[in-house]
């Protein structure tokens, strides 16, 4: 009963496609919080058949680990099935045929119940949603957005602090990077203060992101040193100063750039903060976090990953429930006429 009430509320507010945090209202995000929490507090039997008979196509045009298994496990826990490809070379998108994204989505959408896609091109998920006959969920698109990651991070913040309103959140990195962009957009729908520590030589806030945040009344402050963030923030999430090529199927680096002390989170820096700070990271972690933090209460990144699974379950269940309701309302009336075909005896007589 608890799950059904939470599911109904989420179904009423969630968008058809989960490809951008811009499409999620605060009401929709909070409804997903409620459903994720209901899942987390309930026995497996209470939700293990919500996606029974449903099949999700997981179409991965770009490598990942956490996002992919997060969606796969979410689908399996709901009782659904998964199919798809782990990289484009496993499909007809590469090689001789060069099948278009739109055709992959149309053909796939004719067979499955939803499409979960990760792509290296910004805007690819919007193209997929426009072509797809079934709901599309984003696993990240180039230098665009990563909504499911941000939703999981928001849920983790809500769980950790009991609220999101009133929090001061620090971000180390560039809001051009999709996970951070989506998180900032999500935070702007709440009453939060955002502090950005950009990589050296960068502003950290692209003009389009700044405009989006300002439209929600958020005006981020820029920091110059990690200690500045730690001294004022309740939570700090970092991706460091160097990231992979989001606009390529595979990332190949000639060399890694070391994180300077001005951007690195250390145990000593956390101690100097004078208050508890939650350290978050979407992974993979390199040298931007002192790994001696792993075993402390400051390390939130492992629990953050699990909370992302609960939110992906909430989004999937809500979208399936929404699509079922829409299908039921739009189902055509079937007209059956008696004696449409002659009876067998009439056929013989003629």
Protein backbone atom coordinates (compact mmCIF):
# COMPACT_ATOMS: atom_id res chain seq x y z
CA UNK A 1 0.00 0.00 0.00
CA UNK A 2 2.86 2.40 0.85
CA UNK A 3 4.58 1.68 -2.45
CA UNK A 4 1.34 2.00 -4.43
CA UNK A 5 0.59 5.43 -2.94
CA UNK A 6 4.14 6.62 -3.61
CA UNK A 7 4.08 5.17 -7.12
CA UNK A 8 0.80 6.91 -7.97
CA UNK A 9 2.21 10.25 -6.84
CA UNK A 10 5.40 9.79 -8.86
CA UNK A 11 3.48 8.59 -11.92
CA UNK A 12 1.34 11.73 -11.89
CA UNK A 13 4.36 14.05 -12.03
CA UNK A 14 7.15 12.29 -13.92
CA UNK A 15 7.86 13.27 -17.56
CA UNK A 16 7.48 10.74 -20.38
CA UNK A 17 11.25 10.66 -20.98
CA UNK A 18 14.01 11.00 -18.38
CA UNK A 19 16.63 12.75 -20.49
CA UNK A 20 17.08 16.10 -18.72
CA UNK A 21 16.69 17.51 -15.22
CA UNK A 22 15.17 20.56 -16.93
CA UNK A 23 12.06 18.40 -17.52
CA UNK A 24 11.70 17.42 -13.85
CA UNK A 25 9.76 19.72 -11.56
CA UNK A 26 10.60 19.87 -7.89
CA UNK A 27 7.33 18.03 -7.27
CA UNK A 28 8.42 15.20 -9.60
CA UNK A 29 11.83 14.93 -7.94
CA UNK A 30 10.32 14.81 -4.46
CA UNK A 31 7.76 12.23 -5.60
CA UNK A 32 10.63 10.04 -6.82
CA UNK A 33 12.32 10.53 -3.42
CA UNK A 34 9.18 9.19 -1.77
CA UNK A 35 9.06 6.15 -4.03
CA UNK A 36 12.78 5.41 -3.68
CA UNK A 37 12.42 5.61 0.09
CA UNK A 38 9.40 3.28 0.00
CA UNK A 39 11.42 0.75 -2.02
CA UNK A 40 14.37 0.99 0.34
CA UNK A 41 12.22 0.42 3.43
CA UNK A 42 10.13 -2.42 1.99
CA UNK A 43 10.84 -6.13 1.58
CA UNK A 44 11.92 -7.21 -1.89
CA UNK A 45 8.59 -8.98 -2.43
CA UNK A 46 6.77 -5.64 -2.27
CA UNK A 47 8.31 -4.36 -5.50
CA UNK A 48 9.86 -7.35 -7.29
CA UNK A 49 7.01 -7.71 -9.78
CA UNK A 50 6.40 -4.05 -10.68
CA UNK A 51 8.25 -4.49 -13.98
CA UNK A 52 7.17 -8.09 -14.55
CA UNK A 53 6.88 -8.69 -18.28
CA UNK A 54 8.75 -5.47 -19.12
CA UNK A 55 11.94 -5.44 -21.16
CA UNK A 56 14.43 -2.56 -21.24
CA UNK A 57 16.95 -2.13 -24.04
CA UNK A 58 20.22 -0.80 -22.63
CA UNK A 59 22.01 0.78 -25.61
CA UNK A 60 25.52 1.86 -24.69
CA UNK A 61 27.34 3.94 -27.30
CA UNK A 62 29.91 4.90 -24.66
CA UNK A 63 31.69 2.96 -21.95
CA UNK A 64 30.63 3.04 -18.30
CA UNK A 65 30.49 0.84 -15.22
CA UNK A 66 28.41 2.35 -12.41
CA UNK A 67 25.63 3.81 -14.56
CA UNK A 68 25.17 0.65 -16.57
CA UNK A 69 24.99 -1.76 -13.65
CA UNK A 70 22.89 0.78 -11.74
CA UNK A 71 20.20 0.65 -14.42
CA UNK A 72 20.55 -3.10 -14.96
CA UNK A 73 20.20 -3.94 -11.27
CA UNK A 74 17.32 -1.47 -10.89
CA UNK A 75 15.46 -3.18 -13.72
CA UNK A 76 16.16 -6.66 -12.36
CA UNK A 77 15.09 -5.76 -8.83
CA UNK A 78 11.75 -4.59 -10.22
CA UNK A 79 11.28 -7.97 -11.90
CA UNK A 80 12.00 -6.81 -15.45
CA UNK A 81 14.37 -8.07 -18.13
CA UNK A 82 17.25 -6.40 -19.96
CA UNK A 83 18.76 -6.65 -23.42
CA UNK A 84 20.82 -4.37 -25.66
CA UNK A 85 24.49 -3.82 -26.46
CA UNK A 86 27.46 -2.73 -24.29
CA UNK A 87 29.20 -0.76 -27.05
CA UNK A 88 28.31 0.38 -30.59
CA UNK A 89 30.55 -2.23 -32.24
CA UNK A 90 28.03 -4.83 -31.03
CA UNK A 91 25.32 -3.20 -33.17
CA UNK A 92 24.93 -2.14 -36.82
CA UNK A 93 25.64 1.48 -35.86
CA UNK A 94 29.31 0.98 -36.70
CA UNK A 95 31.01 -0.79 -39.56
CA UNK A 96 29.48 -1.33 -42.99
CA UNK A 97 25.87 -0.31 -42.34
CA UNK A 98 26.26 2.80 -40.15
CA UNK A 99 22.65 2.44 -38.98
CA UNK A 100 21.24 5.75 -37.80
CA UNK A 101 20.44 6.47 -34.17
CA UNK A 102 16.83 7.10 -35.13
CA UNK A 103 16.48 3.70 -36.79
CA UNK A 104 18.08 1.91 -33.86
CA UNK A 105 15.55 3.57 -31.56
CA UNK A 106 12.55 2.96 -33.84
CA UNK A 107 13.33 -0.72 -34.40
CA UNK A 108 14.25 -1.24 -30.75
CA UNK A 109 11.19 0.63 -29.55
CA UNK A 110 8.96 -1.65 -31.59
CA UNK A 111 10.15 -4.58 -29.48
CA UNK A 112 10.96 -3.36 -25.96
CA UNK A 113 9.15 -1.31 -23.31
CA UNK A 114 11.78 1.36 -22.73
CA UNK A 115 15.19 2.41 -24.00
CA UNK A 116 18.06 3.35 -21.70
CA UNK A 117 20.86 4.98 -23.66
CA UNK A 118 24.33 6.39 -23.09
CA UNK A 119 25.86 8.33 -25.97
CA UNK A 120 28.94 10.41 -26.67
CA UNK A 121 27.06 13.09 -28.64
CA UNK A 122 25.41 15.99 -26.83
CA UNK A 123 21.77 16.06 -27.89
CA UNK A 124 21.68 12.38 -28.89
CA UNK A 125 19.16 11.56 -26.17
CA UNK A 126 16.82 14.32 -27.36
CA UNK A 127 17.01 12.84 -30.87
CA UNK A 128 16.31 9.39 -29.48
CA UNK A 129 13.30 10.59 -27.49
CA UNK A 130 11.87 12.36 -30.55
CA UNK A 131 12.08 9.16 -32.61
CA UNK A 132 11.17 6.57 -29.97
CA UNK A 133 7.71 5.03 -29.59
CA UNK A 134 8.61 4.11 -25.98
CA UNK A 135 10.07 6.06 -23.03
CA UNK A 136 13.78 6.94 -23.23
CA UNK A 137 16.03 7.25 -20.16
CA UNK A 138 19.44 8.87 -20.30
CA UNK A 139 22.64 7.29 -19.06
CA UNK A 140 24.52 10.42 -20.12
CA UNK A 141 24.99 12.18 -23.45
CA UNK A 142 28.31 13.78 -24.36
CA UNK A 143 28.74 17.19 -22.77
CA UNK A 144 24.99 17.32 -22.22
CA UNK A 145 23.34 15.90 -19.11
CA UNK A 146 23.37 12.89 -16.79
CA UNK A 147 19.96 13.12 -15.08
CA UNK A 148 19.84 9.71 -13.39
CA UNK A 149 23.17 10.38 -11.68
CA UNK A 150 21.97 13.76 -10.43
CA UNK A 151 18.68 12.33 -9.18
CA UNK A 152 20.58 9.72 -7.19
CA UNK A 153 22.87 12.38 -5.74
CA UNK A 154 19.90 14.55 -4.75
CA UNK A 155 18.28 11.58 -3.03
CA UNK A 156 21.51 10.86 -1.17
CA UNK A 157 21.67 14.46 0.04
CA UNK A 158 18.06 14.32 1.20
CA UNK A 159 18.74 11.06 3.08
CA UNK A 160 21.97 12.30 4.63
CA UNK A 161 20.69 15.67 5.85
CA UNK A 162 16.95 15.11 6.06
CA UNK A 163 16.43 17.96 3.63
CA UNK A 164 17.89 19.73 0.60
CA UNK A 165 16.57 23.23 1.26
CA UNK A 166 19.07 25.30 3.21
CA UNK A 167 22.11 23.20 2.28
CA UNK A 168 25.36 24.70 1.03
CA UNK A 169 26.81 22.47 -1.68
CA UNK A 170 30.28 22.68 -3.18
CA UNK A 171 31.25 21.37 -6.61
CA UNK A 172 34.86 20.83 -7.66
CA UNK A 173 35.00 20.66 -11.43
CA UNK A 174 33.45 22.17 -14.53
CA UNK A 175 29.68 22.44 -14.99
CA UNK A 176 30.30 21.62 -18.63
CA UNK A 177 30.70 18.03 -17.41
CA UNK A 178 27.34 16.30 -17.64
CA UNK A 179 26.99 14.85 -14.13
CA UNK A 180 27.86 18.19 -12.53
CA UNK A 181 25.65 20.13 -14.95
CA UNK A 182 22.63 17.97 -14.11
CA UNK A 183 23.34 18.15 -10.37
CA UNK A 184 23.49 21.94 -10.49
CA UNK A 185 20.20 22.09 -12.41
CA UNK A 186 18.59 19.76 -9.89
CA UNK A 187 19.88 21.76 -6.92
CA UNK A 188 18.54 24.97 -8.47
CA UNK A 189 15.01 23.64 -8.02
CA UNK A 190 15.56 23.76 -4.25
CA UNK A 191 16.56 26.55 -1.88
CA UNK A 192 20.29 25.81 -1.83
CA UNK A 193 23.54 27.76 -2.07
CA UNK A 194 26.00 26.49 -4.68
CA UNK A 195 29.76 27.05 -4.62
CA UNK A 196 31.94 26.16 -7.62
CA UNK A 197 35.68 25.48 -7.59
CA UNK A 198 36.53 25.29 -11.31
CA UNK A 199 39.63 23.65 -12.77
CA UNK A 200 42.60 26.01 -13.12
CA UNK A 201 42.12 28.36 -16.06
CA UNK A 202 38.37 27.73 -16.39
CA UNK A 203 35.28 29.62 -15.24
CA UNK A 204 33.49 26.38 -14.37
CA UNK A 205 30.05 27.68 -15.37
CA UNK A 206 29.15 27.71 -19.09
CA UNK A 207 26.80 30.56 -20.12
CA UNK A 208 23.86 28.25 -20.87
CA UNK A 209 24.15 26.61 -17.45
CA UNK A 210 24.42 29.98 -15.72
CA UNK A 211 21.26 31.13 -17.52
CA UNK A 212 19.40 27.95 -16.57
CA UNK A 213 20.35 28.29 -12.91
CA UNK A 214 19.48 31.99 -12.86
CA UNK A 215 16.07 31.13 -14.26
CA UNK A 216 15.48 29.15 -11.06
CA UNK A 217 16.87 31.92 -8.87
CA UNK A 218 20.29 30.34 -8.27
CA UNK A 219 23.48 32.38 -8.59
CA UNK A 220 26.53 30.20 -7.77
CA UNK A 221 29.55 31.61 -5.98
CA UNK A 222 33.03 30.83 -7.28
CA UNK A 223 35.77 29.64 -4.93
CA UNK A 224 39.53 29.69 -5.50
CA UNK A 225 40.64 26.95 -3.10
CA UNK A 226 39.29 23.67 -1.73
CA UNK A 227 39.62 24.95 1.84
CA UNK A 228 37.20 27.74 1.00
CA UNK A 229 34.59 25.15 -0.02
CA UNK A 230 35.17 22.88 2.95
CA UNK A 231 34.88 25.75 5.42
CA UNK A 232 31.35 26.74 4.33
CA UNK A 233 29.75 23.70 2.65
CA UNK A 234 27.68 20.87 4.09
CA UNK A 235 28.64 18.58 1.20
CA UNK A 236 31.26 18.72 -1.55
CA UNK A 237 31.17 16.65 -4.72
CA UNK A 238 34.23 16.45 -6.91
CA UNK A 239 35.25 15.20 -10.31
CA UNK A 240 38.71 16.69 -10.00
CA UNK A 241 40.22 18.94 -12.66
CA UNK A 242 40.65 16.48 -15.53
CA UNK A 243 37.97 14.40 -17.17
CA UNK A 244 37.66 11.90 -20.00
CA UNK A 245 36.48 12.79 -23.47
CA UNK A 246 32.71 12.80 -22.98
CA UNK A 247 32.26 13.29 -26.73
CA UNK A 248 34.05 10.07 -27.72
CA UNK A 249 32.93 6.45 -27.51
CA UNK A 250 36.20 5.51 -25.78
CA UNK A 251 38.54 7.76 -23.80
CA UNK A 252 42.22 7.47 -24.54
CA UNK A 253 44.60 9.68 -22.58
CA UNK A 254 48.26 10.19 -23.34
CA UNK A 255 48.82 11.25 -19.73
CA UNK A 256 46.83 12.09 -16.64
CA UNK A 257 46.94 15.52 -15.04
CA UNK A 258 47.70 15.46 -11.32
CA UNK A 259 45.27 17.26 -9.04
CA UNK A 260 46.93 20.25 -7.34
CA UNK A 261 46.60 20.68 -3.58
CA UNK A 262 44.26 23.63 -4.17
CA UNK A 263 41.65 21.22 -5.56
CA UNK A 264 42.35 18.01 -3.64
CA UNK A 265 40.20 16.78 -0.74
CA UNK A 266 42.37 15.45 2.08
CA UNK A 267 41.82 14.26 5.64
CA UNK A 268 43.78 17.28 6.86
CA UNK A 269 41.58 19.65 4.90
CA UNK A 270 38.43 18.07 6.31
CA UNK A 271 39.83 18.40 9.85
CA UNK A 272 40.53 22.10 9.27
CA UNK A 273 36.92 22.66 8.14
CA UNK A 274 35.78 22.50 11.75
CA UNK A 275 32.52 20.70 10.95
CA UNK A 276 31.38 17.51 9.24
CA UNK A 277 31.47 17.65 5.43
CA UNK A 278 29.99 14.94 3.22
CA UNK A 279 32.39 14.06 0.40
CA UNK A 280 30.66 12.80 -2.74
CA UNK A 281 31.98 11.48 -6.06
CA UNK A 282 30.23 9.81 -9.00
CA UNK A 283 33.33 7.75 -9.83
CA UNK A 284 35.80 6.71 -11.02
CA UNK A 285 38.00 8.28 -8.36
CA UNK A 286 41.60 9.12 -9.19
CA UNK A 287 43.84 11.40 -7.11
CA UNK A 288 41.33 14.17 -6.33
CA UNK A 289 40.39 12.46 -3.04
CA UNK A 290 42.84 11.25 -0.40
CA UNK A 291 41.87 7.57 -0.13
CA UNK A 292 42.53 7.55 3.60
CA UNK A 293 39.08 9.17 3.78
CA UNK A 294 37.43 5.96 2.52
CA UNK A 295 36.92 4.45 5.95
CA UNK A 296 35.61 7.62 7.61
CA UNK A 297 32.13 9.09 7.98
CA UNK A 298 33.10 11.78 5.46
CA UNK A 299 33.18 9.24 2.63
CA UNK A 300 29.69 9.23 1.11
CA UNK A 301 30.52 8.01 -2.41
CA UNK A 302 29.81 4.30 -1.87
CA UNK A 303 26.41 4.94 -0.26
CA UNK A 304 25.81 7.54 -2.97
CA UNK A 305 26.09 4.80 -5.61
CA UNK A 306 23.54 2.59 -3.84
CA UNK A 307 21.12 5.49 -3.45
CA UNK A 308 21.42 6.03 -7.19
CA UNK A 309 20.07 2.52 -7.72
CA UNK A 310 16.98 3.25 -5.60
CA UNK A 311 16.28 6.40 -7.58
CA UNK A 312 16.71 4.59 -10.90
CA UNK A 313 14.20 2.03 -9.66
CA UNK A 314 11.82 4.87 -8.79
CA UNK A 315 12.17 6.49 -12.21
CA UNK A 316 11.76 3.20 -14.08
CA UNK A 317 8.71 2.12 -12.08
CA UNK A 318 7.07 5.54 -12.48
CA UNK A 319 7.69 5.71 -16.21
CA UNK A 320 6.35 2.19 -16.73
CA UNK A 321 3.27 3.01 -14.67
CA UNK A 322 2.78 6.25 -16.61
CA UNK A 323 3.12 4.57 -20.01
CA UNK A 324 0.66 1.85 -18.96
CA UNK A 325 -1.89 4.49 -17.93
CA UNK A 326 -1.44 6.40 -21.19
CA UNK A 327 -1.75 3.20 -23.24
CA UNK A 328 -4.96 2.28 -21.43
CA UNK A 329 -6.50 5.71 -22.05
CA UNK A 330 -5.53 5.72 -25.73
CA UNK A 331 -6.40 2.11 -26.51
CA UNK A 332 -8.72 2.02 -29.54
CA UNK A 333 -12.17 0.51 -29.20
CA UNK A 334 -12.35 -2.83 -30.93
CA UNK A 335 -15.53 -3.30 -32.95
CA UNK A 336 -16.63 -6.88 -33.47
CA UNK A 337 -19.31 -7.55 -36.09
CA UNK A 338 -21.21 -10.76 -35.92
CA UNK A 339 -21.53 -12.77 -39.13
CA UNK A 340 -18.63 -10.83 -40.67
CA UNK A 341 -17.52 -14.04 -42.35
CA UNK A 342 -19.92 -16.65 -43.72
CA UNK A 343 -20.32 -19.78 -41.67
CA UNK A 344 -18.59 -22.95 -42.87
CA UNK A 345 -21.90 -24.45 -44.14
CA UNK A 346 -22.62 -21.34 -46.19
CA UNK A 347 -19.21 -21.63 -47.80
CA UNK A 348 -19.90 -25.25 -48.77
CA UNK A 349 -23.36 -24.42 -50.12
CA UNK A 350 -22.04 -21.72 -52.34
